């Protein structure tokens, strides 16, 4: 099968199917192989993306507002900056960026080839950036940096966003069976409300800057984004960032739009997603049972 056929695989409606196709279909291996040989540039970032995007959940139908107002975003979108220093690395590799890393369970799935065969990464190398705001997960993430000191970079007590600064992060303390998955920058998240609005102070990291300074065009870049509503603020800014074109695949779990700190409209969110697809970012359906 040709590379074009591989890139036009229809994921249908299941991440499990996408992972099975990526793991089991021999042609998929050619993507990493061609990247490693430097034979693919824009080819792996097609102008027309056939993958199905993550479906928007209409907040007005699925969530009862528990607060009339949402705290304003702590900083403004910074899509580009001349002060950011592009990565000087020349050897390509797989880059796994986990936004909402929890205790590292998605990273462990990455190591188990659930996001694609690591053996076929460009140059046979990989690197991971794990971003997690909940202080509950500081220790398990630290253990991963001890185990993989050269390849795993943890940003603990840090929330993924589109600008830098400090802000409050609200904790889910009740969803034990789901690894406390409802912790959020939004004070209106139902799990946050059920947990009594407990909050901690965290740093904010800018995804656009991370992409600019830590990835290169030859990499195979995967971003897993499960940030409990902040995607409604991050995505429109990402769509304006030069560094967005460095992403090959975005695994994004979409939450109710009412969790947006900037009041992003559905039309704005969908437009941002379409703009990213046109720039070659694959956005398959994604949902995680535990994080």
Protein backbone atom coordinates (compact mmCIF):
# COMPACT_ATOMS: atom_id res chain seq x y z
CA UNK A 1 0.00 0.00 0.00
CA UNK A 2 1.15 3.55 -0.67
CA UNK A 3 1.91 6.13 1.99
CA UNK A 4 -1.14 8.05 0.85
CA UNK A 5 -3.32 5.00 1.56
CA UNK A 6 -1.84 4.69 5.00
CA UNK A 7 -2.57 8.33 5.78
CA UNK A 8 -6.14 7.99 4.51
CA UNK A 9 -7.10 5.13 6.81
CA UNK A 10 -10.62 5.74 8.15
CA UNK A 11 -10.53 5.41 11.92
CA UNK A 12 -14.33 5.11 12.10
CA UNK A 13 -15.37 5.98 15.62
CA UNK A 14 -12.94 4.07 17.80
CA UNK A 15 -9.53 4.82 19.25
CA UNK A 16 -9.14 1.09 19.76
CA UNK A 17 -9.54 0.54 16.02
CA UNK A 18 -7.03 3.32 15.27
CA UNK A 19 -4.51 1.79 17.62
CA UNK A 20 -5.08 -1.67 16.13
CA UNK A 21 -4.56 -0.33 12.62
CA UNK A 22 -1.45 1.56 13.67
CA UNK A 23 -0.07 -1.48 15.49
CA UNK A 24 -0.96 -4.24 13.05
CA UNK A 25 -0.88 -2.80 9.54
CA UNK A 26 2.53 -3.21 7.98
CA UNK A 27 2.24 -0.05 5.81
CA UNK A 28 2.06 2.11 8.89
CA UNK A 29 5.62 1.17 9.71
CA UNK A 30 6.68 2.95 6.54
CA UNK A 31 5.76 6.32 8.05
CA UNK A 32 8.39 6.11 10.79
CA UNK A 33 10.83 4.45 8.39
CA UNK A 34 10.50 7.20 5.79
CA UNK A 35 10.83 9.86 8.46
CA UNK A 36 14.01 8.23 9.69
CA UNK A 37 15.40 8.23 6.16
CA UNK A 38 14.46 11.85 5.65
CA UNK A 39 12.27 10.93 2.67
CA UNK A 40 9.07 12.42 4.03
CA UNK A 41 8.53 16.07 4.89
CA UNK A 42 5.10 17.51 4.20
CA UNK A 43 3.92 14.07 3.08
CA UNK A 44 3.33 12.98 6.66
CA UNK A 45 1.36 16.14 7.33
CA UNK A 46 -1.29 15.91 4.55
CA UNK A 47 -3.25 18.98 3.53
CA UNK A 48 -6.45 16.93 3.62
CA UNK A 49 -6.95 14.85 6.73
CA UNK A 50 -9.24 11.83 6.42
CA UNK A 51 -9.22 10.99 10.12
CA UNK A 52 -12.38 11.73 12.06
CA UNK A 53 -12.03 14.58 14.53
CA UNK A 54 -13.03 14.22 18.17
CA UNK A 55 -16.71 15.07 18.41
CA UNK A 56 -17.81 18.15 20.29
CA UNK A 57 -19.98 17.56 23.34
CA UNK A 58 -22.74 20.15 23.51
CA UNK A 59 -22.46 21.53 27.01
CA UNK A 60 -25.97 22.95 27.02
CA UNK A 61 -27.35 19.43 26.63
CA UNK A 62 -24.95 17.49 28.84
CA UNK A 63 -24.02 19.72 31.75
CA UNK A 64 -26.01 21.81 34.19
CA UNK A 65 -24.19 25.04 35.02
CA UNK A 66 -23.23 25.10 38.68
CA UNK A 67 -21.93 28.65 38.56
CA UNK A 68 -23.11 31.66 36.59
CA UNK A 69 -19.65 33.04 35.98
CA UNK A 70 -16.32 31.52 35.05
CA UNK A 71 -13.04 32.95 36.29
CA UNK A 72 -11.22 34.88 33.60
CA UNK A 73 -8.25 33.21 31.94
CA UNK A 74 -5.06 33.94 33.90
CA UNK A 75 -3.13 35.06 30.81
CA UNK A 76 -3.65 35.76 27.12
CA UNK A 77 -2.93 33.49 24.17
CA UNK A 78 0.70 33.61 23.08
CA UNK A 79 0.84 31.78 19.77
CA UNK A 80 4.32 32.89 18.72
CA UNK A 81 7.26 34.76 20.19
CA UNK A 82 10.63 35.86 18.77
CA UNK A 83 12.17 35.04 22.15
CA UNK A 84 11.51 31.32 21.76
CA UNK A 85 14.60 29.40 20.69
CA UNK A 86 13.92 26.70 18.07
CA UNK A 87 15.23 23.24 18.86
CA UNK A 88 18.79 22.80 17.59
CA UNK A 89 18.56 19.01 17.60
CA UNK A 90 19.10 17.38 14.20
CA UNK A 91 18.41 13.70 14.92
CA UNK A 92 14.65 13.01 14.59
CA UNK A 93 12.71 10.86 17.04
CA UNK A 94 9.22 10.16 18.33
CA UNK A 95 8.02 12.87 20.69
CA UNK A 96 5.16 12.06 23.07
CA UNK A 97 3.66 15.14 24.76
CA UNK A 98 1.19 14.15 27.45
CA UNK A 99 -0.99 17.02 28.66
CA UNK A 100 -2.83 15.73 31.71
CA UNK A 101 -0.34 12.96 32.37
CA UNK A 102 -1.87 11.81 35.70
CA UNK A 103 0.39 9.10 37.16
CA UNK A 104 1.94 8.28 33.79
CA UNK A 105 -0.60 5.71 32.66
CA UNK A 106 -0.85 7.08 29.11
CA UNK A 107 2.93 7.21 28.94
CA UNK A 108 3.05 3.56 29.94
CA UNK A 109 0.62 2.81 27.11
CA UNK A 110 2.98 4.70 24.80
CA UNK A 111 5.84 2.47 25.95
CA UNK A 112 3.64 -0.56 25.30
CA UNK A 113 3.26 0.51 21.64
CA UNK A 114 -0.40 1.48 22.03
CA UNK A 115 0.24 4.75 20.19
CA UNK A 116 2.39 3.09 17.54
CA UNK A 117 5.46 0.79 17.38
CA UNK A 118 8.39 2.47 19.11
CA UNK A 119 10.78 0.34 17.10
CA UNK A 120 9.78 2.36 14.05
CA UNK A 121 10.40 5.78 15.55
CA UNK A 122 12.72 8.01 13.52
CA UNK A 123 16.30 6.97 14.31
CA UNK A 124 14.82 4.40 16.71
CA UNK A 125 14.60 7.05 19.43
CA UNK A 126 11.83 8.60 21.52
CA UNK A 127 11.38 11.32 24.12
CA UNK A 128 8.42 12.22 26.34
CA UNK A 129 7.16 15.38 28.03
CA UNK A 130 4.66 14.72 30.82
CA UNK A 131 2.63 17.70 32.07
CA UNK A 132 0.42 17.31 35.14
CA UNK A 133 -1.07 19.91 37.49
CA UNK A 134 -2.42 17.65 40.25
CA UNK A 135 0.13 17.40 43.09
CA UNK A 136 -1.25 13.92 43.84
CA UNK A 137 0.88 12.59 40.97
CA UNK A 138 4.22 14.22 41.77
CA UNK A 139 5.77 11.06 43.21
CA UNK A 140 4.77 8.53 40.50
CA UNK A 141 5.93 10.93 37.79
CA UNK A 142 9.24 11.48 39.59
CA UNK A 143 9.78 7.73 39.51
CA UNK A 144 9.51 7.82 35.73
CA UNK A 145 12.22 10.47 35.43
CA UNK A 146 14.42 8.31 37.65
CA UNK A 147 13.81 5.31 35.41
CA UNK A 148 14.27 7.22 32.14
CA UNK A 149 16.49 10.20 33.09
CA UNK A 150 17.49 11.12 29.56
CA UNK A 151 14.16 10.59 27.84
CA UNK A 152 11.34 11.61 30.21
CA UNK A 153 10.80 15.24 31.18
CA UNK A 154 8.16 15.93 33.82
CA UNK A 155 6.45 19.23 34.46
CA UNK A 156 4.75 18.55 37.79
CA UNK A 157 2.23 20.87 39.44
CA UNK A 158 2.01 22.49 36.02
CA UNK A 159 -1.10 22.95 33.89
CA UNK A 160 -1.03 22.86 30.10
CA UNK A 161 -2.26 26.10 28.54
CA UNK A 162 -1.44 28.59 25.77
CA UNK A 163 0.51 31.10 27.87
CA UNK A 164 2.70 31.16 30.96
CA UNK A 165 2.05 32.29 34.48
CA UNK A 166 0.47 31.05 37.70
CA UNK A 167 -3.13 30.23 38.52
CA UNK A 168 -5.46 28.15 40.67
CA UNK A 169 -6.08 24.52 39.80
CA UNK A 170 -9.18 22.82 41.18
CA UNK A 171 -8.98 19.24 42.47
CA UNK A 172 -11.22 16.26 41.93
CA UNK A 173 -10.92 14.23 45.14
CA UNK A 174 -13.91 11.94 44.60
CA UNK A 175 -13.39 10.06 41.31
CA UNK A 176 -11.10 7.43 42.77
CA UNK A 177 -12.04 4.76 40.22
CA UNK A 178 -11.14 7.13 37.38
CA UNK A 179 -7.81 8.34 38.73
CA UNK A 180 -9.30 11.70 39.84
CA UNK A 181 -9.91 12.62 36.23
CA UNK A 182 -12.09 15.70 36.88
CA UNK A 183 -9.38 18.00 38.24
CA UNK A 184 -9.51 21.17 36.17
CA UNK A 185 -8.55 24.80 35.69
CA UNK A 186 -12.29 25.44 35.66
CA UNK A 187 -14.07 25.99 38.94
CA UNK A 188 -17.34 24.94 37.29
CA UNK A 189 -16.33 21.34 36.56
CA UNK A 190 -18.90 19.01 38.21
CA UNK A 191 -16.23 16.85 39.87
CA UNK A 192 -14.57 19.98 41.25
CA UNK A 193 -17.88 21.09 42.67
CA UNK A 194 -18.48 17.68 44.27
CA UNK A 195 -15.01 17.88 45.82
CA UNK A 196 -15.78 21.14 47.60
CA UNK A 197 -13.81 23.51 45.33
CA UNK A 198 -10.43 22.50 46.75
CA UNK A 199 -7.64 24.25 44.87
CA UNK A 200 -3.87 24.53 44.65
CA UNK A 201 -1.56 27.02 42.94
CA UNK A 202 0.17 25.78 39.79
CA UNK A 203 2.42 26.98 37.01
CA UNK A 204 1.11 27.32 33.46
CA UNK A 205 3.12 26.03 30.51
CA UNK A 206 2.63 27.12 26.90
CA UNK A 207 2.16 24.20 24.51
CA UNK A 208 3.09 26.42 21.55
CA UNK A 209 6.46 27.22 23.10
CA UNK A 210 7.15 23.60 24.01
CA UNK A 211 6.57 22.54 20.42
CA UNK A 212 8.80 25.32 19.09
CA UNK A 213 11.69 24.64 21.46
CA UNK A 214 11.59 20.84 21.81
CA UNK A 215 10.49 19.39 18.45
CA UNK A 216 11.83 19.47 14.90
CA UNK A 217 10.25 18.86 11.49
CA UNK A 218 11.65 15.33 11.20
CA UNK A 219 10.07 14.14 14.46
CA UNK A 220 6.89 12.11 14.73
CA UNK A 221 5.04 14.26 17.26
CA UNK A 222 2.07 12.96 19.25
CA UNK A 223 0.17 15.24 21.62
CA UNK A 224 -2.30 13.68 24.06
CA UNK A 225 -4.55 16.42 25.41
CA UNK A 226 -6.92 15.55 28.25
CA UNK A 227 -7.14 18.81 30.20
CA UNK A 228 -10.75 18.93 31.37
CA UNK A 229 -12.09 21.83 29.34
CA UNK A 230 -8.94 23.90 28.85
CA UNK A 231 -8.77 22.52 25.29
CA UNK A 232 -11.45 25.11 24.42
CA UNK A 233 -8.91 27.84 25.18
CA UNK A 234 -5.75 26.10 23.99
CA UNK A 235 -6.96 24.95 20.57
CA UNK A 236 -7.81 28.36 19.01
CA UNK A 237 -4.42 29.67 20.09
CA UNK A 238 -2.65 26.55 18.84
CA UNK A 239 -4.28 27.03 15.43
CA UNK A 240 -2.52 30.42 15.19
CA UNK A 241 0.88 29.08 16.26
CA UNK A 242 3.63 28.46 13.71
CA UNK A 243 4.70 25.45 15.78
CA UNK A 244 1.34 23.69 15.35
CA UNK A 245 2.54 22.28 12.03
CA UNK A 246 5.08 20.22 13.94
CA UNK A 247 2.28 18.04 15.38
CA UNK A 248 1.53 14.85 13.48
CA UNK A 249 -1.28 13.52 15.64
CA UNK A 250 -3.43 15.15 18.33
CA UNK A 251 -5.31 12.84 20.69
CA UNK A 252 -7.76 15.30 22.22
CA UNK A 253 -10.56 14.48 24.62
CA UNK A 254 -13.27 17.11 24.26
CA UNK A 255 -15.21 18.24 27.33
CA UNK A 256 -18.19 20.62 27.65
CA UNK A 257 -17.49 24.04 26.20
CA UNK A 258 -18.85 25.72 29.32
CA UNK A 259 -15.51 24.86 30.96
CA UNK A 260 -13.72 27.36 28.71
CA UNK A 261 -12.12 30.20 30.68
CA UNK A 262 -12.43 32.57 27.71
CA UNK A 263 -15.95 31.65 26.65
CA UNK A 264 -14.81 30.09 23.36
CA UNK A 265 -17.80 29.46 21.08
CA UNK A 266 -18.42 26.13 19.42
CA UNK A 267 -17.96 27.71 16.00
CA UNK A 268 -14.56 29.08 17.06
CA UNK A 269 -13.48 25.71 18.44
CA UNK A 270 -14.55 23.83 15.32
CA UNK A 271 -12.85 26.40 13.08
CA UNK A 272 -9.61 25.96 15.02
CA UNK A 273 -9.82 22.20 14.67
CA UNK A 274 -10.41 22.44 10.92
CA UNK A 275 -7.51 24.87 10.55
CA UNK A 276 -5.20 22.40 12.31
CA UNK A 277 -6.35 19.56 10.08
CA UNK A 278 -5.62 21.63 6.98
CA UNK A 279 -2.09 22.10 8.30
CA UNK A 280 -1.62 18.35 8.51
CA UNK A 281 -2.55 17.58 12.11
CA UNK A 282 -4.42 14.29 12.39
CA UNK A 283 -7.15 14.50 15.07
CA UNK A 284 -8.76 11.09 15.62
CA UNK A 285 -11.62 10.45 18.03
CA UNK A 286 -10.19 10.04 21.51
CA UNK A 287 -11.58 9.10 24.88
CA UNK A 288 -9.78 7.68 27.90
CA UNK A 289 -11.57 5.63 30.54
CA UNK A 290 -9.23 6.62 33.36
CA UNK A 291 -7.62 10.01 32.75
